[in-house]
Amino acid sequence: MSKSIDLSKPLPTADFYQLIHEQISNEDDSMSQRVNWLILSQSFFFSGFATLLTSPPDPENGGYAELHQLLLWIVPGISLITSILIYVGILVSLVYMAELRNLFQTYPQDDTTEHYPPIQGTTLTRRLAQMPAIVLPLLFISTWTVLLIQEVR
């Protein structure tokens, strides 16, 4: 039998704070892991792309010339798609954490959290802390887009 919450008897604010804080912490950890995946994947893709650029376009074995040209498109393309997908995951995390903060702010308050810190820091510290997760994917997306546009020319 499933247990249901009696909404007429809400949790004490301190308990609800702890519940929301844990959810935000878990989501923040997931977002940090996505940023790490992004940096790791992009270092791999940039290394591969740099290797392609420094290798001769017309290798001694003529069969590799077409493959070389194809890889000059595939590596930036996959890198761009990877960056976009990870960025979407990061944005979803940011939206979910905002919803959790809003849920706590609209929860019936009592005096049990009177001296608790804000649920996820102040607006300024939160935005500054989230800036790398927002900006880094955009930098990689922009870089790969420029490289693909250059390849068209």
Protein backbone atom coordinates (compact mmCIF):
# COMPACT_ATOMS: atom_id res chain seq x y z
CA MET A 1 0.00 0.00 0.00
CA SER A 2 1.45 3.37 -0.97
CA LYS A 3 1.87 6.07 1.61
CA SER A 4 0.28 9.41 0.82
CA ILE A 5 1.10 12.79 2.26
CA ASP A 6 -1.62 14.53 4.22
CA LEU A 7 -1.50 18.06 2.80
CA SER A 8 -3.60 19.40 5.67
CA LYS A 9 -0.63 18.58 7.93
CA PRO A 10 2.44 19.86 6.06
CA LEU A 11 5.96 18.93 7.04
CA PRO A 12 7.76 21.34 9.32
CA THR A 13 9.61 23.87 7.19
CA ALA A 14 12.97 22.54 8.41
CA ASP A 15 12.14 19.05 7.13
CA PHE A 16 10.91 20.41 3.82
CA TYR A 17 14.04 22.57 3.58
CA GLN A 18 16.20 19.47 4.02
CA LEU A 19 14.22 17.56 1.39
CA ILE A 20 14.45 20.36 -1.19
CA HIS A 21 18.11 21.04 -0.33
CA GLU A 22 19.00 17.39 -1.01
CA GLN A 23 17.18 17.45 -4.36
CA ILE A 24 18.94 20.66 -5.38
CA SER A 25 22.30 19.24 -4.27
CA ASN A 26 21.76 16.07 -6.31
CA GLU A 27 20.75 18.06 -9.38
CA ASP A 28 23.70 20.41 -8.95
CA ASP A 29 26.03 17.39 -8.81
CA SER A 30 24.46 16.04 -12.01
CA MET A 31 24.95 19.40 -13.70
CA SER A 32 28.61 19.47 -12.61
CA GLN A 33 29.09 16.00 -14.07
CA ARG A 34 27.62 17.20 -17.37
CA VAL A 35 30.10 20.08 -17.44
CA ASN A 36 32.91 17.58 -16.80
CA TRP A 37 31.62 15.35 -19.64
CA LEU A 38 31.59 18.40 -21.89
CA ILE A 39 35.16 19.39 -21.11
CA LEU A 40 36.42 15.82 -21.40
CA SER A 41 34.61 15.14 -24.68
CA GLN A 42 35.68 18.43 -26.20
CA SER A 43 39.34 17.85 -25.36
CA PHE A 44 39.08 14.51 -27.15
CA PHE A 45 37.34 16.06 -30.18
CA PHE A 46 39.75 19.01 -30.42
CA SER A 47 42.73 16.65 -30.25
CA GLY A 48 41.29 14.53 -33.03
CA PHE A 49 40.47 17.57 -35.13
CA ALA A 50 43.95 19.04 -34.63
CA THR A 51 45.47 15.73 -35.71
CA LEU A 52 43.34 15.79 -38.85
CA LEU A 53 44.41 19.34 -39.64
CA THR A 54 48.10 18.54 -39.29
CA SER A 55 47.96 15.35 -41.33
CA PRO A 56 48.55 15.65 -45.07
CA PRO A 57 45.29 16.04 -47.03
CA ASP A 58 46.61 13.75 -49.77
CA PRO A 59 48.17 10.78 -48.00
CA GLU A 60 50.33 8.30 -49.87
CA ASN A 61 47.45 5.83 -49.88
CA GLY A 62 44.82 7.55 -52.03
CA GLY A 63 41.95 5.73 -50.33
CA TYR A 64 42.43 7.80 -47.21
CA ALA A 65 41.98 11.17 -48.93
CA GLU A 66 38.17 10.83 -49.02
CA LEU A 67 38.10 9.55 -45.45
CA HIS A 68 40.24 12.49 -44.35
CA GLN A 69 37.81 14.93 -45.97
CA LEU A 70 34.85 13.15 -44.39
CA LEU A 71 36.42 13.22 -40.94
CA LEU A 72 36.99 16.97 -41.26
CA TRP A 73 33.16 17.22 -41.29
CA ILE A 74 32.27 14.39 -38.93
CA VAL A 75 34.47 15.41 -35.98
CA PRO A 76 33.15 19.00 -35.76
CA GLY A 77 29.60 17.79 -36.44
CA ILE A 78 29.62 15.20 -33.67
CA SER A 79 31.35 17.67 -31.37
CA LEU A 80 28.67 20.27 -32.03
CA ILE A 81 25.85 17.77 -31.43
CA THR A 82 27.52 16.55 -28.23
CA SER A 83 27.86 20.12 -26.97
CA ILE A 84 24.22 20.88 -27.74
CA LEU A 85 22.93 17.72 -26.03
CA ILE A 86 24.98 18.34 -22.90
CA TYR A 87 23.85 21.99 -22.87
CA VAL A 88 20.21 20.90 -23.02
CA GLY A 89 20.85 18.65 -20.01
CA ILE A 90 22.44 21.55 -18.15
CA LEU A 91 19.49 23.83 -18.95
CA VAL A 92 17.04 21.18 -17.72
CA SER A 93 18.99 20.99 -14.45
CA LEU A 94 18.88 24.77 -14.05
CA VAL A 95 15.12 24.85 -14.67
CA TYR A 96 14.51 22.01 -12.22
CA MET A 97 16.58 23.69 -9.49
CA ALA A 98 14.64 26.95 -10.04
CA GLU A 99 11.37 25.02 -9.69
CA LEU A 100 12.61 23.46 -6.45
CA ARG A 101 13.60 26.87 -5.06
CA ASN A 102 10.19 28.24 -5.99
CA LEU A 103 8.49 25.25 -4.39
CA PHE A 104 10.31 25.97 -1.13
CA GLN A 105 9.56 29.70 -1.27
CA THR A 106 5.83 29.06 -1.68
CA TYR A 107 5.74 26.38 1.04
CA PRO A 108 3.95 27.35 4.28
CA GLN A 109 6.64 28.75 6.57
CA ASP A 110 7.12 28.26 10.29
CA ASP A 111 9.91 29.36 12.62
CA THR A 112 11.99 26.15 12.26
CA THR A 113 14.12 27.63 9.46
CA GLU A 114 14.43 31.15 10.81
CA HIS A 115 18.24 31.00 10.98
CA TYR A 116 18.83 28.73 7.96
CA PRO A 117 20.77 30.03 4.97
CA PRO A 118 18.94 30.61 1.68
CA ILE A 119 18.01 27.28 0.05
CA GLN A 120 20.62 27.67 -2.73
CA GLY A 121 22.63 30.71 -1.74
CA THR A 122 21.93 34.29 -2.73
CA THR A 123 20.91 35.13 -6.27
CA LEU A 124 24.34 36.64 -7.00
CA THR A 125 26.40 33.72 -5.69
CA ARG A 126 24.12 31.19 -7.38
CA ARG A 127 24.38 32.94 -10.76
CA LEU A 128 28.14 33.31 -10.51
CA ALA A 129 28.52 29.64 -9.55
CA GLN A 130 26.34 28.53 -12.48
CA MET A 131 28.09 30.75 -15.03
CA PRO A 132 30.63 28.13 -16.22
CA ALA A 133 27.83 25.62 -16.80
CA ILE A 134 25.99 28.19 -18.92
CA VAL A 135 28.91 29.80 -20.78
CA LEU A 136 31.27 26.87 -21.53
CA PRO A 137 28.80 24.93 -23.70
CA LEU A 138 28.02 28.10 -25.65
CA LEU A 139 31.73 28.65 -26.28
CA PHE A 140 32.15 25.12 -27.62
CA ILE A 141 28.96 25.35 -29.69
CA SER A 142 30.16 28.64 -31.19
CA THR A 143 33.64 27.31 -31.91
CA TRP A 144 32.42 24.17 -33.68
CA THR A 145 29.83 26.18 -35.62
CA VAL A 146 32.54 28.55 -36.86
CA LEU A 147 34.76 25.61 -37.84
CA LEU A 148 31.91 23.97 -39.76
CA ILE A 149 31.12 27.25 -41.54
CA GLN A 150 34.82 27.59 -42.44
CA GLU A 151 34.73 24.06 -43.85
CA VAL A 152 31.87 25.07 -46.18
CA ARG A 153 33.94 27.88 -47.69
